[in-house]
Amino acid sequence: MNKILSMKNINIYSDGHNHFVVHNTLKKFNDGHTHIDNFNTAKYIAYLSLYKKIPKRRHLSAYLIDSIIRLSIDSNYIDEMKKLKMEVLSKKNKRVT
């Protein structure tokens, strides 16, 4: 994998076939990386986790929210993202029933 973008302490790597790994270098690789299949999405979640932003449109999948949680090092931000994940899962369950 080749590093294609570095944003402060987050690196984005590509295998050249539309597969990206986003890694927070302040965390151990196993604890602080995620796999994404779209470069713009990889940049977006890196931005959200770096600047502790809660997305205005709340249409992120549970997977992407988990990815942001894995990348973040801020416990308050992680708690906010976990709340968002619960909202997303709750809405999904309401649609299914």
C-alpha atoms as a PDB file:
ATOM      1  CA  MET A   1       0.000   0.000   0.000  1.00  0.00           C
ATOM      2  CA  ASN A   2       1.169   3.497  -0.817  1.00  0.00           C
ATOM      3  CA  LYS A   3       0.520   6.546   1.342  1.00  0.00           C
ATOM      4  CA  ILE A   4      -1.465   8.968  -0.790  1.00  0.00           C
ATOM      5  CA  LEU A   5      -2.564  11.575   1.751  1.00  0.00           C
ATOM      6  CA  SER A   6      -1.482  12.751   5.166  1.00  0.00           C
ATOM      7  CA  MET A   7      -3.677  14.973   7.331  1.00  0.00           C
ATOM      8  CA  LYS A   8      -1.895  15.789  10.606  1.00  0.00           C
ATOM      9  CA  ASN A   9      -1.736  12.411  12.375  1.00  0.00           C
ATOM     10  CA  ILE A  10      -3.988  10.535   9.931  1.00  0.00           C
ATOM     11  CA  ASN A  11      -2.653   8.810   6.840  1.00  0.00           C
ATOM     12  CA  ILE A  12      -4.624   7.396   3.942  1.00  0.00           C
ATOM     13  CA  TYR A  13      -3.112   4.503   2.007  1.00  0.00           C
ATOM     14  CA  SER A  14      -4.217   2.994  -1.302  1.00  0.00           C
ATOM     15  CA  ASP A  15      -3.605  -0.302  -3.027  1.00  0.00           C
ATOM     16  CA  GLY A  16      -4.297   1.334  -6.398  1.00  0.00           C
ATOM     17  CA  HIS A  17      -7.593  -0.516  -6.853  1.00  0.00           C
ATOM     18  CA  ASN A  18     -10.114   1.716  -5.084  1.00  0.00           C
ATOM     19  CA  HIS A  19      -9.348   0.259  -1.661  1.00  0.00           C
ATOM     20  CA  PHE A  20      -8.128   2.634   1.036  1.00  0.00           C
ATOM     21  CA  VAL A  21      -6.878   2.251   4.574  1.00  0.00           C
ATOM     22  CA  VAL A  22      -7.218   5.211   6.917  1.00  0.00           C
ATOM     23  CA  HIS A  23      -4.894   5.107   9.949  1.00  0.00           C
ATOM     24  CA  ASN A  24      -4.450   7.361  12.957  1.00  0.00           C
ATOM     25  CA  THR A  25      -0.715   7.212  13.632  1.00  0.00           C
ATOM     26  CA  LEU A  26      -1.255   8.086  17.304  1.00  0.00           C
ATOM     27  CA  LYS A  27      -2.920   4.702  17.796  1.00  0.00           C
ATOM     28  CA  LYS A  28      -1.648   1.179  17.263  1.00  0.00           C
ATOM     29  CA  PHE A  29      -2.477   0.079  13.742  1.00  0.00           C
ATOM     30  CA  ASN A  30      -4.876  -2.677  14.849  1.00  0.00           C
ATOM     31  CA  ASP A  31      -6.809  -0.242  17.050  1.00  0.00           C
ATOM     32  CA  GLY A  32      -6.717   2.867  14.876  1.00  0.00           C
ATOM     33  CA  HIS A  33      -7.356   1.967  11.251  1.00  0.00           C
ATOM     34  CA  THR A  34     -10.313   1.295   8.986  1.00  0.00           C
ATOM     35  CA  HIS A  35     -10.920   0.099   5.425  1.00  0.00           C
ATOM     36  CA  ILE A  36     -12.860   2.293   2.991  1.00  0.00           C
ATOM     37  CA  ASP A  37     -13.698   1.723  -0.694  1.00  0.00           C
ATOM     38  CA  ASN A  38     -13.988   5.364  -1.755  1.00  0.00           C
ATOM     39  CA  PHE A  39     -11.259   8.019  -1.555  1.00  0.00           C
ATOM     40  CA  ASN A  40     -13.652  10.912  -0.893  1.00  0.00           C
ATOM     41  CA  THR A  41     -15.262   8.967   1.942  1.00  0.00           C
ATOM     42  CA  ALA A  42     -11.823   8.185   3.373  1.00  0.00           C
ATOM     43  CA  LYS A  43     -10.960  11.901   3.349  1.00  0.00           C
ATOM     44  CA  TYR A  44     -14.337  12.797   4.864  1.00  0.00           C
ATOM     45  CA  ILE A  45     -14.078  10.447   7.838  1.00  0.00           C
ATOM     46  CA  ALA A  46     -10.457  11.507   8.399  1.00  0.00           C
ATOM     47  CA  TYR A  47     -11.617  15.150   8.473  1.00  0.00           C
ATOM     48  CA  LEU A  48     -14.513  14.392  10.839  1.00  0.00           C
ATOM     49  CA  SER A  49     -12.312  12.513  13.297  1.00  0.00           C
ATOM     50  CA  LEU A  50      -9.454  15.026  13.182  1.00  0.00           C
ATOM     51  CA  TYR A  51     -11.615  18.066  13.784  1.00  0.00           C
ATOM     52  CA  LYS A  52     -14.190  16.314  16.010  1.00  0.00           C
ATOM     53  CA  LYS A  53     -17.086  17.224  13.755  1.00  0.00           C
ATOM     54  CA  ILE A  54     -20.519  15.694  14.050  1.00  0.00           C
ATOM     55  CA  PRO A  55     -21.880  15.307  10.514  1.00  0.00           C
ATOM     56  CA  LYS A  56     -24.741  17.685   9.740  1.00  0.00           C
ATOM     57  CA  ARG A  57     -26.486  15.133   7.595  1.00  0.00           C
ATOM     58  CA  ARG A  58     -27.061  12.155   9.760  1.00  0.00           C
ATOM     59  CA  HIS A  59     -27.050   9.602   6.974  1.00  0.00           C
ATOM     60  CA  LEU A  60     -23.756   7.940   7.789  1.00  0.00           C
ATOM     61  CA  SER A  61     -23.878   4.179   8.033  1.00  0.00           C
ATOM     62  CA  ALA A  62     -23.101   2.444  11.300  1.00  0.00           C
ATOM     63  CA  TYR A  63     -19.907   1.160   9.643  1.00  0.00           C
ATOM     64  CA  LEU A  64     -18.669   4.674   8.869  1.00  0.00           C
ATOM     65  CA  ILE A  65     -19.498   5.846  12.372  1.00  0.00           C
ATOM     66  CA  ASP A  66     -17.544   2.880  13.761  1.00  0.00           C
ATOM     67  CA  SER A  67     -14.684   3.850  11.454  1.00  0.00           C
ATOM     68  CA  ILE A  68     -14.654   7.380  12.843  1.00  0.00           C
ATOM     69  CA  ILE A  69     -14.700   6.008  16.388  1.00  0.00           C
ATOM     70  CA  ARG A  70     -11.683   3.812  15.576  1.00  0.00           C
ATOM     71  CA  LEU A  71      -9.775   6.805  14.212  1.00  0.00           C
ATOM     72  CA  SER A  72     -10.538   9.229  17.023  1.00  0.00           C
ATOM     73  CA  ILE A  73      -8.476   9.700  20.175  1.00  0.00           C
ATOM     74  CA  ASP A  74     -10.898  12.080  21.925  1.00  0.00           C
ATOM     75  CA  SER A  75     -13.135  10.269  24.428  1.00  0.00           C
ATOM     76  CA  ASN A  76     -15.841  12.974  24.437  1.00  0.00           C
ATOM     77  CA  TYR A  77     -16.048  12.895  20.637  1.00  0.00           C
ATOM     78  CA  ILE A  78     -16.150   9.100  20.687  1.00  0.00           C
ATOM     79  CA  ASP A  79     -19.092   9.251  23.118  1.00  0.00           C
ATOM     80  CA  GLU A  80     -20.935  11.674  20.798  1.00  0.00           C
ATOM     81  CA  MET A  81     -20.334   9.410  17.824  1.00  0.00           C
ATOM     82  CA  LYS A  82     -21.601   6.400  19.786  1.00  0.00           C
ATOM     83  CA  LYS A  83     -24.804   8.342  20.497  1.00  0.00           C
ATOM     84  CA  LEU A  84     -25.102   9.103  16.782  1.00  0.00           C
ATOM     85  CA  LYS A  85     -24.629   5.417  16.000  1.00  0.00           C
ATOM     86  CA  MET A  86     -27.446   4.525  18.394  1.00  0.00           C
ATOM     87  CA  GLU A  87     -29.696   7.069  16.604  1.00  0.00           C
ATOM     88  CA  VAL A  88     -28.828   5.565  13.223  1.00  0.00           C
ATOM     89  CA  LEU A  89     -29.475   2.020  14.419  1.00  0.00           C
ATOM     90  CA  SER A  90     -32.717   3.072  16.099  1.00  0.00           C
ATOM     91  CA  LYS A  91     -33.990   4.693  12.885  1.00  0.00           C
ATOM     92  CA  LYS A  92     -32.984   1.621  10.897  1.00  0.00           C
ATOM     93  CA  ASN A  93     -34.845  -0.687  13.299  1.00  0.00           C
ATOM     94  CA  LYS A  94     -37.970   1.492  13.103  1.00  0.00           C
ATOM     95  CA  ARG A  95     -37.967   1.200   9.307  1.00  0.00           C
ATOM     96  CA  VAL A  96     -37.612  -2.578   9.454  1.00  0.00           C
ATOM     97  CA  THR A  97     -40.520  -3.150  11.862  1.00  0.00           C
END
